[in-house]
């Protein structure tokens, strides 16, 4: 487990650093600040950052802060969010641009490699049978706060990280409708994960 998480963490951090470098390279200080805020305004970046921390801290500090990041409810919530990142990118965003070179490597790592590595980590190493249905509701808090930030930041800066959240292009009614639909986009995978956790937990107890 330690070796797997170490390798996965290195890949995750490399992709995050690579994306930040690509977004800010060659920019004057003022623009670097703007792009830094925008960098942390992508749900993909924030979720990959959580995944990177959840892979790193249980290895580096298993008896202190890493213990919280190892909690089943925490890892389950990150698993749901990063799975949604992969699904939405593949179904909605992949066709709207064509990254090249290093940008393509980083892009595919953030949207495919990291999600698959973290989902596999959950399947292989997370304790099973402890999640509850209420966890799926609790996991909605992160995307909800992100949605509020996106609308507030966008209203001030005009920057909207995703086309389906672009108030300038779509207007508030359409964006709010999209956000309401995304609630199901997080809730359904969350419920499925809790159900799978229960099945795997019962199976493990029966074979023990």
N, C-alpha and C. Protein backbone atom coordinates (compact mmCIF):
# COMPACT_ATOMS: atom_id res chain seq x y z
N UNK A 1 0.82 -1.21 0.00
CA UNK A 1 0.00 0.00 0.00
C UNK A 1 0.86 1.27 0.00
N UNK A 2 1.90 1.28 0.85
CA UNK A 2 2.75 2.46 0.95
C UNK A 2 3.43 2.77 -0.37
N UNK A 3 3.95 1.73 -1.03
CA UNK A 3 4.62 1.94 -2.31
C UNK A 3 3.64 2.45 -3.37
N UNK A 4 2.46 1.86 -3.39
CA UNK A 4 1.44 2.28 -4.37
C UNK A 4 1.09 3.74 -4.16
N UNK A 5 0.81 4.12 -2.93
CA UNK A 5 0.41 5.50 -2.66
C UNK A 5 1.53 6.48 -2.92
N UNK A 6 2.76 6.06 -2.67
CA UNK A 6 3.89 6.93 -2.95
C UNK A 6 4.00 7.22 -4.45
N UNK A 7 3.91 6.18 -5.24
CA UNK A 7 3.99 6.35 -6.70
C UNK A 7 2.82 7.18 -7.21
N UNK A 8 1.61 6.87 -6.74
CA UNK A 8 0.43 7.60 -7.17
C UNK A 8 0.52 9.07 -6.75
N UNK A 9 1.05 9.32 -5.55
CA UNK A 9 1.18 10.70 -5.08
C UNK A 9 2.17 11.48 -5.95
N UNK A 10 3.28 10.88 -6.31
CA UNK A 10 4.26 11.54 -7.17
C UNK A 10 3.63 11.91 -8.50
N UNK A 11 2.86 11.01 -9.08
CA UNK A 11 2.19 11.28 -10.35
C UNK A 11 1.20 12.43 -10.19
N UNK A 12 0.42 12.40 -9.10
CA UNK A 12 -0.59 13.44 -8.88
C UNK A 12 0.04 14.81 -8.69
N UNK A 13 1.08 14.88 -7.84
CA UNK A 13 1.74 16.17 -7.61
C UNK A 13 2.43 16.67 -8.87
N UNK A 14 3.03 15.79 -9.64
CA UNK A 14 3.70 16.20 -10.88
C UNK A 14 2.70 16.81 -11.86
N UNK A 15 1.51 16.21 -11.95
CA UNK A 15 0.49 16.75 -12.85
C UNK A 15 0.00 18.12 -12.39
N UNK A 16 -0.19 18.29 -11.08
CA UNK A 16 -0.63 19.58 -10.55
C UNK A 16 0.42 20.66 -10.78
N UNK A 17 1.67 20.35 -10.48
CA UNK A 17 2.74 21.32 -10.69
C UNK A 17 2.88 21.63 -12.17
N UNK A 18 2.79 20.61 -13.01
CA UNK A 18 2.90 20.83 -14.44
C UNK A 18 1.80 21.73 -14.98
N UNK A 19 0.56 21.53 -14.51
CA UNK A 19 -0.54 22.36 -14.97
C UNK A 19 -0.38 23.80 -14.49
N UNK A 20 0.07 23.99 -13.26
CA UNK A 20 0.29 25.34 -12.75
C UNK A 20 1.38 26.04 -13.56
N UNK A 21 2.44 25.34 -13.84
CA UNK A 21 3.53 25.92 -14.64
C UNK A 21 3.04 26.31 -16.03
N UNK A 22 2.26 25.46 -16.65
CA UNK A 22 1.74 25.77 -17.98
C UNK A 22 0.82 26.98 -17.97
N UNK A 23 0.08 27.16 -16.89
CA UNK A 23 -0.85 28.29 -16.81
C UNK A 23 -0.15 29.61 -16.51
N UNK A 24 1.00 29.56 -15.85
CA UNK A 24 1.62 30.81 -15.38
C UNK A 24 2.94 31.15 -16.04
N UNK A 25 3.50 30.26 -16.82
CA UNK A 25 4.84 30.51 -17.36
C UNK A 25 4.83 31.76 -18.25
N UNK A 26 5.88 32.57 -18.10
CA UNK A 26 6.07 33.74 -18.94
C UNK A 26 5.14 34.90 -18.66
N UNK A 27 4.37 34.83 -17.57
CA UNK A 27 3.41 35.89 -17.27
C UNK A 27 4.01 36.90 -16.28
N UNK A 28 3.62 38.17 -16.38
CA UNK A 28 4.06 39.17 -15.40
C UNK A 28 3.44 38.88 -14.04
N UNK A 29 4.01 39.43 -12.96
CA UNK A 29 3.55 39.10 -11.60
C UNK A 29 2.05 39.28 -11.39
N UNK A 30 1.48 40.38 -11.89
CA UNK A 30 0.05 40.60 -11.71
C UNK A 30 -0.79 39.53 -12.36
N UNK A 31 -0.39 39.13 -13.55
CA UNK A 31 -1.13 38.09 -14.26
C UNK A 31 -0.92 36.73 -13.62
N UNK A 32 0.27 36.49 -13.06
CA UNK A 32 0.51 35.24 -12.33
C UNK A 32 -0.46 35.11 -11.16
N UNK A 33 -0.70 36.21 -10.45
CA UNK A 33 -1.64 36.19 -9.33
C UNK A 33 -3.04 35.85 -9.82
N UNK A 34 -3.47 36.48 -10.89
CA UNK A 34 -4.80 36.21 -11.45
C UNK A 34 -4.91 34.75 -11.87
N UNK A 35 -3.89 34.27 -12.55
CA UNK A 35 -3.94 32.89 -13.03
C UNK A 35 -3.82 31.88 -11.89
N UNK A 36 -3.16 32.26 -10.82
CA UNK A 36 -3.10 31.38 -9.65
C UNK A 36 -4.48 31.22 -9.04
N UNK A 37 -5.19 32.33 -8.89
CA UNK A 37 -6.57 32.25 -8.39
C UNK A 37 -7.43 31.41 -9.33
N UNK A 38 -7.27 31.63 -10.62
CA UNK A 38 -8.04 30.85 -11.60
C UNK A 38 -7.67 29.37 -11.55
N UNK A 39 -6.39 29.09 -11.34
CA UNK A 39 -5.92 27.70 -11.23
C UNK A 39 -6.68 26.97 -10.13
N UNK A 40 -6.79 27.63 -8.97
CA UNK A 40 -7.48 27.01 -7.85
C UNK A 40 -8.99 27.17 -7.93
N UNK A 41 -9.48 27.67 -9.05
CA UNK A 41 -10.92 27.79 -9.27
C UNK A 41 -11.48 26.67 -10.13
N UNK A 42 -10.63 25.73 -10.52
CA UNK A 42 -11.08 24.56 -11.28
C UNK A 42 -11.39 23.42 -10.31
N UNK A 43 -12.56 22.84 -10.45
CA UNK A 43 -12.92 21.70 -9.62
C UNK A 43 -11.95 20.55 -9.83
N UNK A 44 -11.48 20.38 -11.05
CA UNK A 44 -10.49 19.34 -11.34
C UNK A 44 -9.24 19.51 -10.51
N UNK A 45 -8.74 20.75 -10.43
CA UNK A 45 -7.51 21.01 -9.67
C UNK A 45 -7.74 20.77 -8.19
N UNK A 46 -8.83 21.30 -7.65
CA UNK A 46 -9.10 21.14 -6.22
C UNK A 46 -9.27 19.67 -5.84
N UNK A 47 -9.95 18.92 -6.68
CA UNK A 47 -10.18 17.50 -6.38
C UNK A 47 -8.88 16.71 -6.50
N UNK A 48 -8.09 17.00 -7.51
CA UNK A 48 -6.79 16.34 -7.63
C UNK A 48 -5.88 16.72 -6.47
N UNK A 49 -5.99 17.95 -5.99
CA UNK A 49 -5.20 18.36 -4.82
C UNK A 49 -5.61 17.55 -3.59
N UNK A 50 -6.91 17.39 -3.38
CA UNK A 50 -7.38 16.57 -2.27
C UNK A 50 -6.89 15.13 -2.41
N UNK A 51 -6.94 14.61 -3.62
CA UNK A 51 -6.47 13.24 -3.85
C UNK A 51 -4.98 13.12 -3.56
N UNK A 52 -4.21 14.11 -4.01
CA UNK A 52 -2.76 14.08 -3.77
C UNK A 52 -2.46 14.12 -2.27
N UNK A 53 -3.18 14.95 -1.53
CA UNK A 53 -3.00 15.00 -0.08
C UNK A 53 -3.40 13.68 0.58
N UNK A 54 -4.49 13.10 0.11
CA UNK A 54 -4.97 11.84 0.68
C UNK A 54 -4.05 10.68 0.37
N UNK A 55 -3.26 10.79 -0.68
CA UNK A 55 -2.27 9.76 -1.00
C UNK A 55 -0.97 10.00 -0.22
N UNK A 56 -0.64 11.27 0.00
CA UNK A 56 0.65 11.62 0.59
C UNK A 56 0.66 11.55 2.11
N UNK A 57 -0.32 12.17 2.75
CA UNK A 57 -0.25 12.34 4.21
C UNK A 57 -0.36 11.04 5.00
N UNK A 58 -1.19 10.06 4.58
CA UNK A 58 -1.17 8.80 5.33
C UNK A 58 0.17 8.08 5.26
N UNK A 59 0.97 8.38 4.23
CA UNK A 59 2.30 7.78 4.12
C UNK A 59 3.30 8.55 4.97
N UNK A 60 3.27 9.88 4.92
CA UNK A 60 4.25 10.70 5.62
C UNK A 60 3.94 10.88 7.10
N UNK A 61 2.65 10.94 7.44
CA UNK A 61 2.26 11.20 8.83
C UNK A 61 1.10 10.31 9.24
N UNK A 62 1.30 9.00 9.25
CA UNK A 62 0.19 8.08 9.50
C UNK A 62 -0.40 8.17 10.90
N UNK A 63 0.39 8.66 11.86
CA UNK A 63 -0.08 8.70 13.23
C UNK A 63 -0.59 10.07 13.66
N UNK A 64 -0.59 11.04 12.73
CA UNK A 64 -1.08 12.37 13.08
C UNK A 64 -2.12 12.81 12.06
N UNK A 65 -1.76 13.80 11.23
CA UNK A 65 -2.75 14.33 10.29
C UNK A 65 -3.18 13.30 9.26
N UNK A 66 -2.28 12.37 8.94
CA UNK A 66 -2.61 11.34 7.95
C UNK A 66 -3.73 10.44 8.39
N UNK A 67 -3.95 10.36 9.70
CA UNK A 67 -5.04 9.50 10.20
C UNK A 67 -6.39 10.02 9.73
N UNK A 68 -6.58 11.34 9.73
CA UNK A 68 -7.85 11.92 9.27
C UNK A 68 -8.05 11.65 7.78
N UNK A 69 -6.97 11.81 7.00
CA UNK A 69 -7.07 11.58 5.56
C UNK A 69 -7.28 10.12 5.22
N UNK A 70 -7.03 9.25 6.18
CA UNK A 70 -7.26 7.83 5.97
C UNK A 70 -8.64 7.37 6.35
N UNK A 71 -9.46 8.25 6.89
CA UNK A 71 -10.81 7.87 7.31
C UNK A 71 -11.64 7.43 6.11
N UNK A 72 -12.43 6.36 6.22
CA UNK A 72 -13.23 5.87 5.09
C UNK A 72 -14.15 6.93 4.50
N UNK A 73 -14.78 7.75 5.34
CA UNK A 73 -15.70 8.76 4.82
C UNK A 73 -14.97 9.82 4.01
N UNK A 74 -13.75 10.17 4.45
CA UNK A 74 -12.97 11.16 3.72
C UNK A 74 -12.53 10.60 2.37
N UNK A 75 -11.99 9.41 2.38
CA UNK A 75 -11.51 8.81 1.14
C UNK A 75 -12.67 8.49 0.20
N UNK A 76 -13.81 8.12 0.76
CA UNK A 76 -14.97 7.86 -0.07
C UNK A 76 -15.45 9.11 -0.78
N UNK A 77 -15.47 10.24 -0.05
CA UNK A 77 -15.90 11.49 -0.67
C UNK A 77 -14.97 11.93 -1.78
N UNK A 78 -13.67 11.79 -1.57
CA UNK A 78 -12.71 12.15 -2.62
C UNK A 78 -12.86 11.21 -3.82
N UNK A 79 -13.11 9.94 -3.54
CA UNK A 79 -13.30 8.98 -4.63
C UNK A 79 -14.49 9.37 -5.50
N UNK A 80 -15.59 9.76 -4.88
CA UNK A 80 -16.76 10.19 -5.65
C UNK A 80 -16.44 11.41 -6.49
N UNK A 81 -15.80 12.41 -5.87
CA UNK A 81 -15.53 13.66 -6.59
C UNK A 81 -14.58 13.44 -7.76
N UNK A 82 -13.55 12.64 -7.56
CA UNK A 82 -12.59 12.45 -8.65
C UNK A 82 -13.16 11.55 -9.74
N UNK A 83 -14.09 10.67 -9.37
CA UNK A 83 -14.78 9.90 -10.40
C UNK A 83 -15.66 10.80 -11.25
N UNK A 84 -16.33 11.76 -10.61
CA UNK A 84 -17.15 12.72 -11.35
C UNK A 84 -16.28 13.57 -12.27
N UNK A 85 -15.10 13.96 -11.80
CA UNK A 85 -14.15 14.71 -12.64
C UNK A 85 -13.88 13.93 -13.93
N UNK A 86 -13.59 12.66 -13.81
CA UNK A 86 -13.28 11.84 -14.98
C UNK A 86 -14.49 11.69 -15.89
N UNK A 87 -15.65 11.44 -15.32
CA UNK A 87 -16.85 11.22 -16.12
C UNK A 87 -17.26 12.48 -16.86
N UNK A 88 -17.29 13.61 -16.16
CA UNK A 88 -17.70 14.87 -16.80
C UNK A 88 -16.71 15.27 -17.88
N UNK A 89 -15.43 15.10 -17.61
CA UNK A 89 -14.44 15.43 -18.65
C UNK A 89 -14.65 14.57 -19.89
N UNK A 90 -14.83 13.28 -19.67
CA UNK A 90 -14.95 12.37 -20.81
C UNK A 90 -16.23 12.62 -21.61
N UNK A 91 -17.32 12.89 -20.93
CA UNK A 91 -18.60 13.03 -21.62
C UNK A 91 -18.89 14.44 -22.11
N UNK A 92 -18.37 15.46 -21.42
CA UNK A 92 -18.77 16.83 -21.70
C UNK A 92 -17.63 17.70 -22.22
N UNK A 93 -16.45 17.59 -21.61
CA UNK A 93 -15.40 18.57 -21.86
C UNK A 93 -14.34 18.13 -22.86
N UNK A 94 -14.16 16.84 -23.02
CA UNK A 94 -13.04 16.35 -23.84
C UNK A 94 -13.10 16.84 -25.27
N UNK A 95 -14.32 17.03 -25.78
CA UNK A 95 -14.44 17.41 -27.19
C UNK A 95 -14.35 18.88 -27.48
N UNK A 96 -14.21 19.73 -26.43
CA UNK A 96 -14.23 21.17 -26.69
C UNK A 96 -12.84 21.76 -26.88
N UNK A 97 -11.78 20.97 -26.64
CA UNK A 97 -10.44 21.47 -26.95
C UNK A 97 -9.51 20.30 -27.20
N UNK A 98 -8.37 20.58 -27.83
CA UNK A 98 -7.43 19.54 -28.20
C UNK A 98 -6.05 19.92 -27.70
N UNK A 99 -5.72 19.58 -26.45
CA UNK A 99 -4.39 19.91 -25.92
C UNK A 99 -3.30 19.16 -26.68
N UNK A 100 -2.13 19.76 -26.72
CA UNK A 100 -1.01 19.17 -27.42
C UNK A 100 0.21 19.10 -26.51
N UNK A 101 1.12 18.20 -26.82
CA UNK A 101 2.39 18.13 -26.12
C UNK A 101 2.24 17.88 -24.63
N UNK A 102 3.01 18.65 -23.83
CA UNK A 102 2.98 18.50 -22.38
C UNK A 102 1.60 18.78 -21.83
N UNK A 103 0.88 19.74 -22.41
CA UNK A 103 -0.46 20.04 -21.94
C UNK A 103 -1.38 18.83 -22.06
N UNK A 104 -1.23 18.05 -23.10
CA UNK A 104 -2.05 16.86 -23.27
C UNK A 104 -1.70 15.81 -22.22
N UNK A 105 -0.40 15.65 -21.94
CA UNK A 105 0.02 14.69 -20.92
C UNK A 105 -0.56 15.06 -19.56
N UNK A 106 -0.42 16.35 -19.20
CA UNK A 106 -0.92 16.82 -17.92
C UNK A 106 -2.44 16.69 -17.86
N UNK A 107 -3.10 17.08 -18.93
CA UNK A 107 -4.55 17.05 -18.98
C UNK A 107 -5.09 15.64 -18.78
N UNK A 108 -4.51 14.70 -19.48
CA UNK A 108 -4.97 13.32 -19.37
C UNK A 108 -4.61 12.71 -18.01
N UNK A 109 -3.50 13.15 -17.43
CA UNK A 109 -3.15 12.65 -16.10
C UNK A 109 -4.16 13.14 -15.07
N UNK A 110 -4.51 14.43 -15.13
CA UNK A 110 -5.45 14.99 -14.16
C UNK A 110 -6.86 14.41 -14.31
N UNK A 111 -7.25 14.08 -15.53
CA UNK A 111 -8.63 13.67 -15.78
C UNK A 111 -8.84 12.16 -15.91
N UNK A 112 -7.76 11.42 -16.14
CA UNK A 112 -7.91 9.97 -16.30
C UNK A 112 -7.00 9.18 -15.36
N UNK A 113 -5.69 9.48 -15.41
CA UNK A 113 -4.73 8.67 -14.66
C UNK A 113 -4.96 8.83 -13.15
N UNK A 114 -4.97 10.07 -12.68
CA UNK A 114 -5.17 10.29 -11.24
C UNK A 114 -6.50 9.73 -10.74
N UNK A 115 -7.61 9.98 -11.44
CA UNK A 115 -8.87 9.38 -10.97
C UNK A 115 -8.81 7.86 -10.89
N UNK A 116 -8.27 7.23 -11.91
CA UNK A 116 -8.21 5.77 -11.89
C UNK A 116 -7.31 5.26 -10.78
N UNK A 117 -6.18 5.94 -10.55
CA UNK A 117 -5.29 5.53 -9.47
C UNK A 117 -5.97 5.66 -8.11
N UNK A 118 -6.74 6.74 -7.92
CA UNK A 118 -7.37 6.93 -6.61
C UNK A 118 -8.55 5.97 -6.42
N UNK A 119 -9.31 5.74 -7.48
CA UNK A 119 -10.40 4.77 -7.39
C UNK A 119 -9.85 3.39 -7.06
N UNK A 120 -8.74 3.03 -7.71
CA UNK A 120 -8.11 1.74 -7.43
C UNK A 120 -7.60 1.69 -5.99
N UNK A 121 -7.07 2.80 -5.51
CA UNK A 121 -6.62 2.86 -4.12
C UNK A 121 -7.79 2.59 -3.17
N UNK A 122 -8.94 3.20 -3.47
CA UNK A 122 -10.12 2.95 -2.62
C UNK A 122 -10.52 1.48 -2.66
N UNK A 123 -10.53 0.90 -3.85
CA UNK A 123 -10.94 -0.49 -3.98
C UNK A 123 -9.99 -1.43 -3.24
N UNK A 124 -8.69 -1.15 -3.32
CA UNK A 124 -7.70 -2.07 -2.76
C UNK A 124 -7.46 -1.87 -1.27
N UNK A 125 -7.45 -0.63 -0.81
CA UNK A 125 -6.91 -0.36 0.51
C UNK A 125 -7.88 0.26 1.52
N UNK A 126 -8.95 0.89 1.08
CA UNK A 126 -9.86 1.53 2.04
C UNK A 126 -10.63 0.48 2.82
N UNK A 127 -10.77 0.66 4.14
CA UNK A 127 -11.62 -0.25 4.92
C UNK A 127 -13.05 -0.22 4.38
N UNK A 128 -13.67 -1.36 4.31
CA UNK A 128 -15.02 -1.45 3.74
C UNK A 128 -16.05 -1.78 4.82
N UNK A 129 -17.28 -1.36 4.54
CA UNK A 129 -18.38 -1.69 5.41
C UNK A 129 -18.68 -0.67 6.49
N UNK A 130 -18.03 0.49 6.44
CA UNK A 130 -18.25 1.50 7.49
C UNK A 130 -19.04 2.72 6.99
N UNK A 131 -19.20 2.87 5.69
CA UNK A 131 -19.90 4.04 5.16
C UNK A 131 -21.40 3.92 5.40
N UNK A 132 -22.07 5.05 5.51
CA UNK A 132 -23.51 5.12 5.72
C UNK A 132 -24.14 5.96 4.63
N UNK A 133 -25.44 5.76 4.41
CA UNK A 133 -26.12 6.48 3.34
C UNK A 133 -26.02 7.99 3.53
N UNK A 134 -25.97 8.43 4.78
CA UNK A 134 -25.87 9.87 5.02
C UNK A 134 -24.55 10.46 4.52
N UNK A 135 -23.53 9.59 4.38
CA UNK A 135 -22.27 10.09 3.84
C UNK A 135 -22.43 10.64 2.43
N UNK A 136 -23.30 10.02 1.64
CA UNK A 136 -23.52 10.49 0.27
C UNK A 136 -24.09 11.90 0.26
N UNK A 137 -24.90 12.23 1.27
CA UNK A 137 -25.43 13.59 1.41
C UNK A 137 -24.32 14.54 1.84
N UNK A 138 -23.53 14.11 2.82
CA UNK A 138 -22.44 14.95 3.31
C UNK A 138 -21.43 15.28 2.23
N UNK A 139 -21.20 14.34 1.32
CA UNK A 139 -20.22 14.59 0.26
C UNK A 139 -20.65 15.68 -0.72
N UNK A 140 -21.91 16.08 -0.67
CA UNK A 140 -22.38 17.15 -1.55
C UNK A 140 -21.88 18.52 -1.09
N UNK A 141 -21.37 18.61 0.14
CA UNK A 141 -20.96 19.91 0.68
C UNK A 141 -19.82 20.51 -0.14
N UNK A 142 -18.84 19.70 -0.50
CA UNK A 142 -17.69 20.22 -1.25
C UNK A 142 -18.10 20.80 -2.60
N UNK A 143 -18.82 20.05 -3.47
CA UNK A 143 -19.25 20.67 -4.73
C UNK A 143 -20.19 21.84 -4.54
N UNK A 144 -20.99 21.85 -3.44
CA UNK A 144 -21.88 22.99 -3.20
C UNK A 144 -21.09 24.25 -2.89
N UNK A 145 -20.08 24.13 -2.03
CA UNK A 145 -19.23 25.29 -1.71
C UNK A 145 -18.48 25.73 -2.96
N UNK A 146 -18.02 24.77 -3.74
CA UNK A 146 -17.34 25.12 -4.99
C UNK A 146 -18.26 25.89 -5.92
N UNK A 147 -19.52 25.48 -6.03
CA UNK A 147 -20.46 26.18 -6.90
C UNK A 147 -20.69 27.61 -6.45
N UNK A 148 -20.80 27.81 -5.13
CA UNK A 148 -20.98 29.17 -4.60
C UNK A 148 -19.75 30.02 -4.90
N UNK A 149 -18.57 29.46 -4.69
CA UNK A 149 -17.33 30.18 -5.01
C UNK A 149 -17.27 30.55 -6.48
N UNK A 150 -17.62 29.62 -7.34
CA UNK A 150 -17.53 29.86 -8.78
C UNK A 150 -18.44 31.01 -9.21
N UNK A 151 -19.66 31.03 -8.70
CA UNK A 151 -20.58 32.11 -9.05
C UNK A 151 -20.10 33.45 -8.49
N UNK A 152 -19.61 33.44 -7.25
CA UNK A 152 -19.13 34.68 -6.65
C UNK A 152 -17.88 35.21 -7.33
N UNK A 153 -16.92 34.33 -7.53
CA UNK A 153 -15.69 34.72 -8.21
C UNK A 153 -15.95 35.15 -9.64
N UNK A 154 -16.83 34.43 -10.31
CA UNK A 154 -17.15 34.78 -11.69
C UNK A 154 -17.82 36.14 -11.80
N UNK A 155 -18.70 36.44 -10.85
CA UNK A 155 -19.39 37.74 -10.88
C UNK A 155 -18.40 38.88 -10.73
N UNK A 156 -17.32 38.66 -9.97
CA UNK A 156 -16.32 39.71 -9.76
C UNK A 156 -15.28 39.78 -10.87
N UNK A 157 -14.91 38.62 -11.39
CA UNK A 157 -13.79 38.57 -12.33
C UNK A 157 -14.19 38.30 -13.77
N UNK A 158 -15.38 37.74 -13.97
CA UNK A 158 -15.77 37.33 -15.31
C UNK A 158 -15.21 36.00 -15.73
N UNK A 159 -14.49 35.32 -14.82
CA UNK A 159 -13.88 34.03 -15.14
C UNK A 159 -14.78 32.89 -14.67
N UNK A 160 -15.17 32.04 -15.59
CA UNK A 160 -15.94 30.84 -15.27
C UNK A 160 -15.18 29.64 -15.85
N UNK A 161 -14.77 28.70 -15.01
CA UNK A 161 -13.85 27.64 -15.45
C UNK A 161 -14.46 26.62 -16.40
N UNK A 162 -15.79 26.50 -16.40
CA UNK A 162 -16.43 25.48 -17.24
C UNK A 162 -17.58 26.10 -18.02
N UNK A 163 -17.77 25.68 -19.26
CA UNK A 163 -18.82 26.31 -20.09
C UNK A 163 -20.23 26.14 -19.52
N UNK A 164 -20.50 25.06 -18.83
CA UNK A 164 -21.84 24.86 -18.29
C UNK A 164 -22.09 25.68 -17.03
N UNK A 165 -21.04 26.41 -16.56
CA UNK A 165 -21.20 27.32 -15.43
C UNK A 165 -20.95 28.77 -15.82
N UNK A 166 -20.89 29.03 -17.10
CA UNK A 166 -20.58 30.37 -17.61
C UNK A 166 -21.83 31.23 -17.62
N UNK A 167 -21.99 32.05 -16.59
CA UNK A 167 -23.17 32.90 -16.48
C UNK A 167 -23.21 33.92 -17.61
N UNK A 168 -22.05 34.40 -18.03
CA UNK A 168 -21.99 35.39 -19.11
C UNK A 168 -22.61 34.85 -20.39
N UNK A 169 -22.34 33.59 -20.69
CA UNK A 169 -22.84 33.00 -21.93
C UNK A 169 -24.25 32.44 -21.78
N UNK A 170 -24.56 31.86 -20.62
CA UNK A 170 -25.81 31.11 -20.46
C UNK A 170 -26.86 31.84 -19.65
N UNK A 171 -26.44 32.73 -18.76
CA UNK A 171 -27.37 33.37 -17.85
C UNK A 171 -27.55 32.55 -16.58
N UNK A 172 -28.00 33.22 -15.53
CA UNK A 172 -28.14 32.54 -14.23
C UNK A 172 -29.17 31.41 -14.24
N UNK A 173 -30.33 31.56 -14.88
CA UNK A 173 -31.30 30.45 -14.84
C UNK A 173 -30.73 29.15 -15.39
N UNK A 174 -30.03 29.23 -16.53
CA UNK A 174 -29.48 28.01 -17.13
C UNK A 174 -28.36 27.44 -16.27
N UNK A 175 -27.51 28.31 -15.74
CA UNK A 175 -26.40 27.82 -14.91
C UNK A 175 -26.92 27.19 -13.63
N UNK A 176 -27.90 27.81 -13.00
CA UNK A 176 -28.47 27.23 -11.78
C UNK A 176 -29.15 25.90 -12.08
N UNK A 177 -29.77 25.79 -13.25
CA UNK A 177 -30.37 24.50 -13.64
C UNK A 177 -29.29 23.45 -13.83
N UNK A 178 -28.18 23.85 -14.45
CA UNK A 178 -27.06 22.92 -14.62
C UNK A 178 -26.50 22.48 -13.27
N UNK A 179 -26.40 23.42 -12.34
CA UNK A 179 -25.88 23.08 -11.01
C UNK A 179 -26.83 22.16 -10.27
N UNK A 180 -28.13 22.37 -10.44
CA UNK A 180 -29.10 21.48 -9.81
C UNK A 180 -28.98 20.07 -10.38
N UNK A 181 -28.77 19.98 -11.68
CA UNK A 181 -28.59 18.66 -12.29
C UNK A 181 -27.31 17.99 -11.78
N UNK A 182 -26.28 18.80 -11.50
CA UNK A 182 -25.03 18.24 -11.02
C UNK A 182 -25.16 17.67 -9.61
N UNK A 183 -26.17 18.14 -8.87
CA UNK A 183 -26.41 17.53 -7.55
C UNK A 183 -26.63 16.04 -7.72
N UNK A 184 -27.45 15.67 -8.69
CA UNK A 184 -27.66 14.25 -8.97
C UNK A 184 -26.39 13.60 -9.48
N UNK A 185 -25.60 14.39 -10.22
CA UNK A 185 -24.34 13.88 -10.74
C UNK A 185 -23.35 13.50 -9.66
N UNK A 186 -23.49 14.08 -8.49
CA UNK A 186 -22.67 13.68 -7.34
C UNK A 186 -23.39 12.72 -6.41
N UNK A 187 -24.70 12.92 -6.26
CA UNK A 187 -25.44 12.09 -5.31
C UNK A 187 -25.52 10.64 -5.77
N UNK A 188 -25.81 10.42 -7.04
CA UNK A 188 -25.95 9.05 -7.53
C UNK A 188 -24.65 8.26 -7.39
N UNK A 189 -23.48 8.79 -7.86
CA UNK A 189 -22.24 8.04 -7.61
C UNK A 189 -21.96 7.84 -6.12
N UNK A 190 -22.33 8.84 -5.31
CA UNK A 190 -22.12 8.68 -3.88
C UNK A 190 -22.93 7.53 -3.30
N UNK A 191 -24.19 7.44 -3.68
CA UNK A 191 -25.03 6.34 -3.22
C UNK A 191 -24.51 5.00 -3.72
N UNK A 192 -24.05 4.98 -4.97
CA UNK A 192 -23.50 3.74 -5.52
C UNK A 192 -22.25 3.31 -4.76
N UNK A 193 -21.41 4.29 -4.40
CA UNK A 193 -20.19 3.95 -3.65
C UNK A 193 -20.53 3.40 -2.27
N UNK A 194 -21.50 4.03 -1.60
CA UNK A 194 -21.90 3.53 -0.28
C UNK A 194 -22.46 2.11 -0.40
N UNK A 195 -23.28 1.87 -1.43
CA UNK A 195 -23.81 0.53 -1.65
C UNK A 195 -22.72 -0.48 -1.92
N UNK A 196 -21.74 -0.11 -2.76
CA UNK A 196 -20.62 -1.01 -3.05
C UNK A 196 -19.79 -1.26 -1.81
N UNK A 197 -19.59 -0.22 -1.00
CA UNK A 197 -18.85 -0.37 0.25
C UNK A 197 -19.52 -1.39 1.16
N UNK A 198 -20.85 -1.33 1.24
CA UNK A 198 -21.56 -2.29 2.06
C UNK A 198 -21.43 -3.71 1.55
N UNK A 199 -21.53 -3.87 0.24
CA UNK A 199 -21.39 -5.21 -0.35
C UNK A 199 -20.00 -5.78 -0.11
N UNK A 200 -18.97 -4.97 -0.33
CA UNK A 200 -17.60 -5.43 -0.13
C UNK A 200 -17.32 -5.71 1.34
N UNK A 201 -17.92 -4.89 2.22
CA UNK A 201 -17.74 -5.13 3.65
C UNK A 201 -18.35 -6.44 4.09
N UNK A 202 -19.56 -6.72 3.63
CA UNK A 202 -20.21 -7.99 3.98
C UNK A 202 -19.45 -9.18 3.41
N UNK A 203 -18.96 -9.02 2.19
CA UNK A 203 -18.20 -10.11 1.58
C UNK A 203 -16.94 -10.39 2.36
N UNK A 204 -16.26 -9.33 2.82
CA UNK A 204 -15.02 -9.52 3.59
C UNK A 204 -15.31 -10.21 4.91
N UNK A 205 -16.41 -9.86 5.56
CA UNK A 205 -16.74 -10.50 6.84
C UNK A 205 -17.09 -11.97 6.66
N UNK A 206 -17.75 -12.28 5.57
CA UNK A 206 -18.16 -13.67 5.33
C UNK A 206 -16.97 -14.58 5.01
N UNK A 207 -15.95 -14.00 4.39
CA UNK A 207 -14.78 -14.81 4.02
C UNK A 207 -13.70 -14.80 5.10
N UNK A 208 -13.89 -13.97 6.13
CA UNK A 208 -12.88 -13.88 7.19
C UNK A 208 -12.89 -15.13 8.07
